[in-house]
Amino acid sequence: MFKLSRIHHISIICSDYAVSKHFYTVILSLEIVREVYREARQSYKLDLMVGDQYQIELFSFPHPPARPSKPEALGLRHLAFEVDDVAATVKYLEQQGVVVEPIRIDEFTGKQFTFFTDPDGLPLELVEK
């Protein structure tokens, strides 16, 4: 019998590497762990640290196929980030030009949450700590 111990990383393929790198590192303030260009694949790979637990791998590939990303599409629904203050984070994101949905209250936890998207329309969520 095996036991999964934690999520190791999450991989995201972007359409415009420079735009997505700016979004994740400047707007979302994720720390760069490592950035490499893989010549054979014509692909950048940017490893990003989220807090001190999880890592996001941001990839670029020439001409990646589109994927449905509406929250109710089959497959991975969204990526959620925990924050101390949802309202303050929303205010900051809106000042950066990011469109954020109205803040809602989770009916089961009573905590605030909301959604926004990355430059490629990937649904991202903010969840109150």
Foldseek 3Di string as FASTA:
>chain_A
DDDDDDDAEAEDEDADVVQLCCCCCPLVVWDWPDWDQDVVQRKIWTWTDQPPDYIYIYMYGPPDDDDDADQPDPDDRAAEDEDADPVVSVVSNVVVVWDWDDWDADPPPRWIKTWTAGPSRHIYMYTHD
